[in-house]
């Protein structure tokens, strides 16, 4: 287990779709462990393979230590509610930059666990937002793409000044 370097915006890997995981082996377990260590060090509540330059459909979420670690392999959204919610989002690949995003309040999704077993689950509120955010990342949709052009341009300029 180790903390890996996080890819920073505007690296093109953050807009590259990830490939499905097909091998449920020690390499996958090591990747998940590294993602968890890297996310905690960032700090963040969610991370994907692409955040560390590994274009595999792997998501690790930990809303709190008490809540526990959630691992989603090859997740896909099956249904999303018409009811939406607004929440401030950001990314471990763009530390310090945040903006409000509107997303469906609830989702139903399918994923594989670390052993390759298929599951379906529902998520609501903050967990639903996190799962959608990370699946976007796996699909090559960096969270900024959910903003209007004006908000996106303003946020990128602000973030670039923070980095200087």
N, C-alpha and C. Protein backbone atom coordinates (compact mmCIF):
# COMPACT_ATOMS: atom_id res chain seq x y z
N UNK A 1 0.85 -1.18 0.00
CA UNK A 1 0.00 0.00 0.00
C UNK A 1 0.89 1.23 0.00
N UNK A 2 0.51 2.19 -0.86
CA UNK A 2 1.30 3.42 -0.89
C UNK A 2 0.48 4.56 -1.46
N UNK A 3 0.94 5.76 -1.15
CA UNK A 3 0.32 6.96 -1.69
C UNK A 3 0.95 7.21 -3.06
N UNK A 4 0.10 7.32 -4.07
CA UNK A 4 0.59 7.54 -5.43
C UNK A 4 0.38 9.00 -5.82
N UNK A 5 1.19 9.49 -6.76
CA UNK A 5 0.99 10.87 -7.24
C UNK A 5 -0.38 11.00 -7.92
N UNK A 6 -1.03 12.11 -7.67
CA UNK A 6 -2.35 12.38 -8.27
C UNK A 6 -2.14 13.22 -9.52
N UNK A 7 -2.80 12.80 -10.59
CA UNK A 7 -2.78 13.55 -11.85
C UNK A 7 -3.50 14.88 -11.62
N UNK A 8 -2.94 15.98 -12.05
CA UNK A 8 -3.54 17.30 -11.85
C UNK A 8 -4.20 17.82 -13.13
N UNK A 9 -5.29 18.54 -12.95
CA UNK A 9 -5.94 19.25 -14.04
C UNK A 9 -4.91 20.22 -14.61
N UNK A 10 -4.78 20.36 -15.92
CA UNK A 10 -5.63 19.90 -17.03
C UNK A 10 -5.12 18.67 -17.76
N UNK A 11 -4.44 17.75 -17.09
CA UNK A 11 -3.90 16.56 -17.73
C UNK A 11 -4.99 15.86 -18.55
N UNK A 12 -4.70 15.55 -19.82
CA UNK A 12 -5.72 14.93 -20.69
C UNK A 12 -6.21 13.56 -20.22
N UNK A 13 -5.45 12.88 -19.36
CA UNK A 13 -5.93 11.60 -18.84
C UNK A 13 -7.23 11.76 -18.06
N UNK A 14 -7.45 12.96 -17.50
CA UNK A 14 -8.67 13.20 -16.73
C UNK A 14 -9.91 13.27 -17.62
N UNK A 15 -9.70 13.36 -18.92
CA UNK A 15 -10.83 13.38 -19.86
C UNK A 15 -10.84 12.14 -20.74
N UNK A 16 -10.14 11.12 -20.31
CA UNK A 16 -10.06 9.87 -21.07
C UNK A 16 -10.94 8.81 -20.43
N UNK A 17 -11.78 8.16 -21.22
CA UNK A 17 -12.62 7.09 -20.66
C UNK A 17 -11.76 5.92 -20.18
N UNK A 18 -12.21 5.27 -19.13
CA UNK A 18 -11.51 4.13 -18.55
C UNK A 18 -12.03 2.83 -19.12
N UNK A 19 -11.19 1.81 -19.07
CA UNK A 19 -11.58 0.49 -19.56
C UNK A 19 -12.07 -0.37 -18.39
N UNK A 20 -12.90 -1.33 -18.72
CA UNK A 20 -13.46 -2.22 -17.70
C UNK A 20 -12.37 -3.09 -17.09
N UNK A 21 -12.53 -3.36 -15.81
CA UNK A 21 -11.66 -4.29 -15.11
C UNK A 21 -12.10 -5.70 -15.48
N UNK A 22 -11.14 -6.54 -15.86
CA UNK A 22 -11.46 -7.93 -16.22
C UNK A 22 -10.73 -8.93 -15.33
N UNK A 23 -9.67 -8.49 -14.66
CA UNK A 23 -8.89 -9.39 -13.80
C UNK A 23 -9.09 -9.00 -12.33
N UNK A 24 -9.65 -9.90 -11.57
CA UNK A 24 -9.91 -9.68 -10.15
C UNK A 24 -8.84 -10.43 -9.36
N UNK A 25 -7.67 -9.80 -9.28
CA UNK A 25 -6.48 -10.46 -8.75
C UNK A 25 -5.75 -9.57 -7.75
N UNK A 26 -4.54 -9.98 -7.39
CA UNK A 26 -3.74 -9.21 -6.44
C UNK A 26 -3.43 -7.81 -6.95
N UNK A 27 -3.24 -7.66 -8.26
CA UNK A 27 -2.96 -6.32 -8.82
C UNK A 27 -4.13 -5.38 -8.58
N UNK A 28 -5.35 -5.89 -8.72
CA UNK A 28 -6.53 -5.07 -8.46
C UNK A 28 -6.60 -4.71 -6.98
N UNK A 29 -6.35 -5.66 -6.10
CA UNK A 29 -6.37 -5.38 -4.66
C UNK A 29 -5.31 -4.34 -4.29
N UNK A 30 -4.13 -4.43 -4.90
CA UNK A 30 -3.08 -3.43 -4.63
C UNK A 30 -3.49 -2.05 -5.14
N UNK A 31 -4.13 -2.01 -6.31
CA UNK A 31 -4.61 -0.73 -6.84
C UNK A 31 -5.63 -0.11 -5.89
N UNK A 32 -6.58 -0.91 -5.42
CA UNK A 32 -7.60 -0.42 -4.48
C UNK A 32 -6.95 0.10 -3.19
N UNK A 33 -5.99 -0.65 -2.66
CA UNK A 33 -5.28 -0.21 -1.45
C UNK A 33 -4.55 1.11 -1.68
N UNK A 34 -3.88 1.22 -2.83
CA UNK A 34 -3.16 2.46 -3.16
C UNK A 34 -4.13 3.63 -3.33
N UNK A 35 -5.27 3.36 -3.96
CA UNK A 35 -6.27 4.42 -4.13
C UNK A 35 -6.77 4.91 -2.77
N UNK A 36 -7.03 3.98 -1.85
CA UNK A 36 -7.51 4.37 -0.53
C UNK A 36 -6.46 5.21 0.20
N UNK A 37 -5.20 4.77 0.19
CA UNK A 37 -4.13 5.52 0.85
C UNK A 37 -3.97 6.91 0.22
N UNK A 38 -4.03 6.97 -1.10
CA UNK A 38 -3.86 8.23 -1.82
C UNK A 38 -5.01 9.18 -1.53
N UNK A 39 -6.24 8.65 -1.51
CA UNK A 39 -7.42 9.48 -1.23
C UNK A 39 -7.35 10.05 0.18
N UNK A 40 -6.98 9.23 1.14
CA UNK A 40 -6.90 9.70 2.53
C UNK A 40 -5.81 10.77 2.68
N UNK A 41 -4.72 10.62 1.96
CA UNK A 41 -3.62 11.58 2.06
C UNK A 41 -3.95 12.90 1.37
N UNK A 42 -4.86 12.86 0.38
CA UNK A 42 -5.14 14.05 -0.44
C UNK A 42 -5.58 15.29 0.34
N UNK A 43 -6.54 15.32 1.22
CA UNK A 43 -7.55 14.31 1.52
C UNK A 43 -8.76 14.46 0.59
N UNK A 44 -9.53 13.38 0.50
CA UNK A 44 -10.75 13.40 -0.30
C UNK A 44 -11.71 12.35 0.21
N UNK A 45 -12.90 12.29 -0.40
CA UNK A 45 -13.89 11.28 -0.03
C UNK A 45 -14.10 10.26 -1.15
N UNK A 46 -13.54 10.52 -2.32
CA UNK A 46 -13.67 9.62 -3.45
C UNK A 46 -12.49 9.76 -4.38
N UNK A 47 -12.14 8.65 -5.03
CA UNK A 47 -11.03 8.65 -5.98
C UNK A 47 -11.24 7.51 -6.97
N UNK A 48 -10.67 7.67 -8.16
CA UNK A 48 -10.78 6.66 -9.20
C UNK A 48 -9.39 6.33 -9.74
N UNK A 49 -9.31 5.25 -10.49
CA UNK A 49 -8.06 4.90 -11.16
C UNK A 49 -7.48 6.05 -11.97
N UNK A 50 -8.31 6.74 -12.79
CA UNK A 50 -7.76 7.84 -13.59
C UNK A 50 -7.09 8.96 -12.78
N UNK A 51 -7.51 9.16 -11.55
CA UNK A 51 -6.89 10.21 -10.73
C UNK A 51 -5.40 9.94 -10.50
N UNK A 52 -5.00 8.67 -10.61
CA UNK A 52 -3.58 8.35 -10.44
C UNK A 52 -2.98 7.82 -11.76
N UNK A 53 -3.67 8.09 -12.86
CA UNK A 53 -3.16 7.72 -14.17
C UNK A 53 -3.41 6.29 -14.59
N UNK A 54 -4.28 5.58 -13.89
CA UNK A 54 -4.63 4.19 -14.23
C UNK A 54 -6.04 4.20 -14.81
N UNK A 55 -6.15 4.04 -16.11
CA UNK A 55 -7.46 4.15 -16.77
C UNK A 55 -8.26 2.85 -16.67
N UNK A 56 -8.57 2.49 -15.44
CA UNK A 56 -9.41 1.33 -15.12
C UNK A 56 -10.62 1.80 -14.35
N UNK A 57 -11.75 1.11 -14.53
CA UNK A 57 -13.02 1.51 -13.89
C UNK A 57 -13.08 1.03 -12.44
N UNK A 58 -12.31 1.73 -11.60
CA UNK A 58 -12.23 1.43 -10.17
C UNK A 58 -12.53 2.70 -9.39
N UNK A 59 -13.46 2.59 -8.42
CA UNK A 59 -13.84 3.71 -7.57
C UNK A 59 -13.67 3.30 -6.12
N UNK A 60 -13.10 4.19 -5.32
CA UNK A 60 -13.02 4.01 -3.87
C UNK A 60 -13.66 5.24 -3.24
N UNK A 61 -14.62 5.03 -2.35
CA UNK A 61 -15.30 6.12 -1.64
C UNK A 61 -15.27 5.83 -0.15
N UNK A 62 -14.96 6.86 0.62
CA UNK A 62 -15.03 6.76 2.08
C UNK A 62 -15.55 8.11 2.59
N UNK A 63 -16.85 8.15 2.85
CA UNK A 63 -17.46 9.41 3.31
C UNK A 63 -16.98 9.77 4.70
N UNK A 64 -16.72 8.74 5.52
CA UNK A 64 -16.15 8.93 6.86
C UNK A 64 -15.57 7.60 7.28
N UNK A 65 -14.67 7.62 8.25
CA UNK A 65 -14.07 6.36 8.73
C UNK A 65 -15.16 5.47 9.33
N UNK A 66 -16.14 6.09 10.02
CA UNK A 66 -17.22 5.32 10.63
C UNK A 66 -18.09 4.67 9.57
N UNK A 67 -18.30 5.36 8.47
CA UNK A 67 -19.15 4.88 7.38
C UNK A 67 -18.49 3.71 6.65
N UNK A 68 -17.17 3.69 6.60
CA UNK A 68 -16.45 2.60 5.96
C UNK A 68 -16.11 2.87 4.50
N UNK A 69 -15.31 2.00 3.96
CA UNK A 69 -14.82 2.12 2.58
C UNK A 69 -15.77 1.39 1.64
N UNK A 70 -16.07 2.04 0.55
CA UNK A 70 -16.89 1.43 -0.50
C UNK A 70 -16.02 1.28 -1.74
N UNK A 71 -16.05 0.10 -2.34
CA UNK A 71 -15.26 -0.18 -3.53
C UNK A 71 -16.23 -0.58 -4.63
N UNK A 72 -16.17 0.13 -5.74
CA UNK A 72 -17.05 -0.15 -6.87
C UNK A 72 -16.18 -0.39 -8.11
N UNK A 73 -16.28 -1.58 -8.66
CA UNK A 73 -15.55 -1.94 -9.87
C UNK A 73 -16.55 -1.95 -11.03
N UNK A 74 -16.19 -1.31 -12.14
CA UNK A 74 -17.04 -1.23 -13.33
C UNK A 74 -18.46 -0.73 -13.02
N UNK A 75 -18.59 0.35 -12.22
CA UNK A 75 -19.95 0.81 -11.87
C UNK A 75 -20.67 1.43 -13.06
N UNK A 76 -21.98 1.28 -13.06
CA UNK A 76 -22.81 1.90 -14.09
C UNK A 76 -24.15 2.29 -13.48
N UNK A 77 -24.62 3.47 -13.84
CA UNK A 77 -25.91 3.96 -13.33
C UNK A 77 -27.03 3.33 -14.15
N UNK A 78 -28.00 2.75 -13.44
CA UNK A 78 -29.14 2.11 -14.08
C UNK A 78 -30.36 3.03 -14.12
N UNK A 79 -30.46 3.91 -13.11
CA UNK A 79 -31.62 4.79 -12.99
C UNK A 79 -31.21 6.00 -12.16
N UNK A 80 -31.78 7.14 -12.50
CA UNK A 80 -31.57 8.32 -11.66
C UNK A 80 -32.89 9.06 -11.50
N UNK A 81 -33.06 9.67 -10.34
CA UNK A 81 -34.32 10.33 -10.01
C UNK A 81 -34.49 11.63 -10.80
N UNK A 82 -35.73 12.00 -10.99
CA UNK A 82 -36.02 13.30 -11.61
C UNK A 82 -35.73 14.42 -10.61
N UNK A 83 -35.85 14.10 -9.32
CA UNK A 83 -35.56 15.09 -8.28
C UNK A 83 -34.05 15.32 -8.23
N UNK A 84 -33.66 16.57 -8.19
CA UNK A 84 -32.23 16.90 -8.17
C UNK A 84 -31.83 17.55 -6.85
N UNK A 85 -30.53 17.64 -6.66
CA UNK A 85 -29.97 18.31 -5.51
C UNK A 85 -28.73 19.08 -5.95
N UNK A 86 -28.43 20.14 -5.23
CA UNK A 86 -27.29 20.98 -5.53
C UNK A 86 -26.27 20.77 -4.43
N UNK A 87 -25.01 20.52 -4.84
CA UNK A 87 -23.97 20.27 -3.84
C UNK A 87 -22.64 20.83 -4.34
N UNK A 88 -21.82 21.28 -3.41
CA UNK A 88 -20.50 21.78 -3.75
C UNK A 88 -19.58 20.59 -4.01
N UNK A 89 -18.96 20.58 -5.19
CA UNK A 89 -18.06 19.50 -5.58
C UNK A 89 -16.67 20.06 -5.85
N UNK A 90 -15.72 19.15 -5.86
CA UNK A 90 -14.33 19.48 -6.18
C UNK A 90 -13.66 18.18 -6.62
N UNK A 91 -12.33 18.20 -6.72
CA UNK A 91 -11.61 17.01 -7.14
C UNK A 91 -10.23 16.96 -6.51
N UNK A 92 -9.77 15.75 -6.22
CA UNK A 92 -8.40 15.59 -5.72
C UNK A 92 -7.41 16.00 -6.80
N UNK A 93 -7.85 16.08 -8.05
CA UNK A 93 -6.99 16.50 -9.16
C UNK A 93 -6.98 18.01 -9.36
N UNK A 94 -7.76 18.72 -8.55
CA UNK A 94 -7.84 20.17 -8.64
C UNK A 94 -8.07 20.72 -7.24
N UNK A 95 -7.11 20.48 -6.33
CA UNK A 95 -7.31 20.82 -4.92
C UNK A 95 -7.58 22.31 -4.70
N UNK A 96 -8.57 22.57 -3.84
CA UNK A 96 -8.92 23.93 -3.48
C UNK A 96 -9.97 24.57 -4.36
N UNK A 97 -10.30 23.96 -5.49
CA UNK A 97 -11.30 24.50 -6.41
C UNK A 97 -12.63 23.77 -6.18
N UNK A 98 -13.68 24.53 -5.92
CA UNK A 98 -15.00 23.94 -5.72
C UNK A 98 -16.06 24.81 -6.38
N UNK A 99 -17.18 24.17 -6.69
CA UNK A 99 -18.31 24.89 -7.26
C UNK A 99 -19.54 24.01 -7.09
N UNK A 100 -20.71 24.64 -7.08
CA UNK A 100 -21.97 23.88 -6.95
C UNK A 100 -22.34 23.21 -8.27
N UNK A 101 -22.77 21.96 -8.15
CA UNK A 101 -23.21 21.16 -9.29
C UNK A 101 -24.60 20.62 -8.95
N UNK A 102 -25.46 20.56 -9.96
CA UNK A 102 -26.79 19.97 -9.78
C UNK A 102 -26.76 18.56 -10.37
N UNK A 103 -27.21 17.60 -9.56
CA UNK A 103 -27.24 16.19 -9.99
C UNK A 103 -28.53 15.55 -9.48
N UNK A 104 -28.90 14.40 -10.04
CA UNK A 104 -30.03 13.66 -9.48
C UNK A 104 -29.80 13.34 -8.00
N UNK A 105 -30.84 13.43 -7.22
CA UNK A 105 -30.77 13.22 -5.78
C UNK A 105 -30.57 11.75 -5.41
N UNK A 106 -31.10 10.85 -6.24
CA UNK A 106 -31.02 9.41 -5.97
C UNK A 106 -30.66 8.67 -7.25
N UNK A 107 -29.94 7.56 -7.08
CA UNK A 107 -29.59 6.71 -8.22
C UNK A 107 -29.69 5.25 -7.82
N UNK A 108 -29.81 4.40 -8.82
CA UNK A 108 -29.65 2.97 -8.66
C UNK A 108 -28.49 2.60 -9.59
N UNK A 109 -27.57 1.79 -9.11
CA UNK A 109 -26.42 1.46 -9.94
C UNK A 109 -25.99 0.02 -9.73
N UNK A 110 -25.24 -0.48 -10.71
CA UNK A 110 -24.71 -1.84 -10.68
C UNK A 110 -23.19 -1.73 -10.64
N UNK A 111 -22.57 -2.65 -9.92
CA UNK A 111 -21.11 -2.67 -9.83
C UNK A 111 -20.64 -4.08 -9.47
N UNK A 112 -19.36 -4.29 -9.59
CA UNK A 112 -18.74 -5.53 -9.16
C UNK A 112 -17.94 -5.23 -7.90
N UNK A 113 -17.86 -6.21 -7.00
CA UNK A 113 -17.02 -6.03 -5.82
C UNK A 113 -15.60 -6.50 -6.16
N UNK A 114 -14.72 -6.45 -5.19
CA UNK A 114 -13.31 -6.79 -5.39
C UNK A 114 -13.11 -8.26 -5.80
N UNK A 115 -14.11 -9.10 -5.52
CA UNK A 115 -14.04 -10.52 -5.91
C UNK A 115 -14.68 -10.78 -7.27
N UNK A 116 -15.28 -9.73 -7.87
CA UNK A 116 -15.91 -9.89 -9.18
C UNK A 116 -17.37 -10.24 -9.13
N UNK A 117 -17.98 -10.19 -7.93
CA UNK A 117 -19.41 -10.49 -7.78
C UNK A 117 -20.24 -9.24 -8.13
N UNK A 118 -21.35 -9.45 -8.83
CA UNK A 118 -22.23 -8.35 -9.25
C UNK A 118 -23.19 -7.96 -8.14
N UNK A 119 -23.37 -6.64 -7.97
CA UNK A 119 -24.30 -6.10 -6.98
C UNK A 119 -25.08 -4.95 -7.61
N UNK A 120 -26.27 -4.70 -7.08
CA UNK A 120 -27.02 -3.48 -7.39
C UNK A 120 -27.28 -2.78 -6.08
N UNK A 121 -27.25 -1.44 -6.12
CA UNK A 121 -27.46 -0.65 -4.91
C UNK A 121 -28.16 0.64 -5.28
N UNK A 122 -28.77 1.24 -4.25
CA UNK A 122 -29.32 2.59 -4.39
C UNK A 122 -28.48 3.53 -3.55
N UNK A 123 -28.38 4.75 -4.00
CA UNK A 123 -27.67 5.77 -3.24
C UNK A 123 -28.51 7.04 -3.28
N UNK A 124 -28.48 7.77 -2.19
CA UNK A 124 -29.26 8.99 -2.06
C UNK A 124 -28.35 10.10 -1.52
N UNK A 125 -28.74 11.33 -1.81
CA UNK A 125 -28.08 12.51 -1.25
C UNK A 125 -26.57 12.50 -1.53
N UNK A 126 -25.73 12.68 -0.49
CA UNK A 126 -24.29 12.86 -0.69
C UNK A 126 -23.63 11.64 -1.33
N UNK A 127 -24.02 10.43 -0.93
CA UNK A 127 -23.43 9.25 -1.55
C UNK A 127 -23.78 9.19 -3.03
N UNK A 128 -25.03 9.52 -3.38
CA UNK A 128 -25.43 9.52 -4.79
C UNK A 128 -24.59 10.52 -5.59
N UNK A 129 -24.35 11.68 -5.01
CA UNK A 129 -23.53 12.69 -5.67
C UNK A 129 -22.12 12.15 -5.91
N UNK A 130 -21.54 11.55 -4.87
CA UNK A 130 -20.18 11.02 -4.98
C UNK A 130 -20.08 9.93 -6.04
N UNK A 131 -21.02 9.00 -6.04
CA UNK A 131 -20.99 7.91 -7.02
C UNK A 131 -21.11 8.47 -8.44
N UNK A 132 -22.04 9.42 -8.65
CA UNK A 132 -22.19 10.02 -9.97
C UNK A 132 -20.92 10.76 -10.39
N UNK A 133 -20.33 11.50 -9.48
CA UNK A 133 -19.11 12.26 -9.74
C UNK A 133 -17.98 11.31 -10.18
N UNK A 134 -17.81 10.21 -9.47
CA UNK A 134 -16.73 9.28 -9.78
C UNK A 134 -17.01 8.49 -11.06
N UNK A 135 -18.26 8.13 -11.32
CA UNK A 135 -18.58 7.45 -12.58
C UNK A 135 -18.34 8.40 -13.75
N UNK A 136 -18.68 9.68 -13.58
CA UNK A 136 -18.33 10.67 -14.62
C UNK A 136 -16.85 10.61 -14.92
N UNK A 137 -16.02 10.59 -13.86
CA UNK A 137 -14.57 10.56 -14.05
C UNK A 137 -14.16 9.32 -14.85
N UNK A 138 -14.74 8.19 -14.54
CA UNK A 138 -14.44 6.96 -15.28
C UNK A 138 -14.84 7.06 -16.75
N UNK A 139 -15.88 7.84 -17.01
CA UNK A 139 -16.36 8.04 -18.38
C UNK A 139 -15.60 9.13 -19.12
N UNK A 140 -14.60 9.73 -18.46
CA UNK A 140 -13.82 10.79 -19.09
C UNK A 140 -14.47 12.15 -18.99
N UNK A 141 -15.42 12.31 -18.06
CA UNK A 141 -16.09 13.59 -17.84
C UNK A 141 -15.55 14.19 -16.56
N UNK A 142 -14.63 15.15 -16.68
CA UNK A 142 -14.09 15.82 -15.50
C UNK A 142 -15.18 16.75 -14.97
N UNK A 143 -15.29 16.87 -13.67
CA UNK A 143 -16.43 17.55 -13.04
C UNK A 143 -16.65 18.97 -13.56
N UNK A 144 -15.61 19.64 -14.01
CA UNK A 144 -15.77 21.00 -14.55
C UNK A 144 -16.71 21.04 -15.75
N UNK A 145 -16.77 19.93 -16.48
CA UNK A 145 -17.63 19.88 -17.65
C UNK A 145 -19.11 19.96 -17.30
N UNK A 146 -19.45 19.80 -16.03
CA UNK A 146 -20.83 19.92 -15.57
C UNK A 146 -21.21 21.39 -15.28
N UNK A 147 -20.23 22.30 -15.38
CA UNK A 147 -20.47 23.73 -15.13
C UNK A 147 -20.75 24.46 -16.43
N UNK A 148 -21.41 25.62 -16.30
CA UNK A 148 -21.56 26.48 -17.47
C UNK A 148 -20.18 26.96 -17.90
N UNK A 149 -20.03 27.37 -19.14
CA UNK A 149 -18.73 27.84 -19.63
C UNK A 149 -18.23 29.01 -18.79
N UNK A 150 -19.10 29.92 -18.44
CA UNK A 150 -18.71 31.09 -17.64
C UNK A 150 -18.17 30.66 -16.28
N UNK A 151 -18.91 29.81 -15.57
CA UNK A 151 -18.45 29.34 -14.25
C UNK A 151 -17.15 28.54 -14.38
N UNK A 152 -17.08 27.70 -15.41
CA UNK A 152 -15.88 26.88 -15.61
C UNK A 152 -14.65 27.76 -15.86
N UNK A 153 -14.78 28.73 -16.76
CA UNK A 153 -13.65 29.63 -17.08
C UNK A 153 -13.21 30.41 -15.85
N UNK A 154 -14.17 30.91 -15.09
CA UNK A 154 -13.86 31.67 -13.88
C UNK A 154 -13.12 30.81 -12.86
N UNK A 155 -13.60 29.58 -12.67
CA UNK A 155 -12.99 28.68 -11.70
C UNK A 155 -11.58 28.27 -12.12
N UNK A 156 -11.38 28.00 -13.41
CA UNK A 156 -10.05 27.61 -13.89
C UNK A 156 -9.06 28.75 -13.68
N UNK A 157 -9.48 29.99 -13.98
CA UNK A 157 -8.59 31.15 -13.76
C UNK A 157 -8.23 31.29 -12.28
N UNK A 158 -9.22 31.14 -11.42
CA UNK A 158 -9.00 31.25 -9.98
C UNK A 158 -8.05 30.14 -9.51
N UNK A 159 -8.25 28.92 -10.00
CA UNK A 159 -7.41 27.80 -9.61
C UNK A 159 -5.97 28.00 -10.09
N UNK A 160 -5.81 28.49 -11.31
CA UNK A 160 -4.46 28.73 -11.83
C UNK A 160 -3.71 29.76 -10.99
N UNK A 161 -4.43 30.78 -10.51
CA UNK A 161 -3.80 31.79 -9.64
C UNK A 161 -3.41 31.16 -8.30
N UNK A 162 -4.22 30.24 -7.78
CA UNK A 162 -3.93 29.58 -6.50
C UNK A 162 -2.65 28.75 -6.62
N UNK A 163 -2.40 28.19 -7.79
CA UNK A 163 -1.24 27.32 -8.01
C UNK A 163 0.06 28.11 -8.18
N UNK A 164 -0.05 29.35 -8.64
CA UNK A 164 1.16 30.16 -8.89
C UNK A 164 1.89 30.54 -7.64
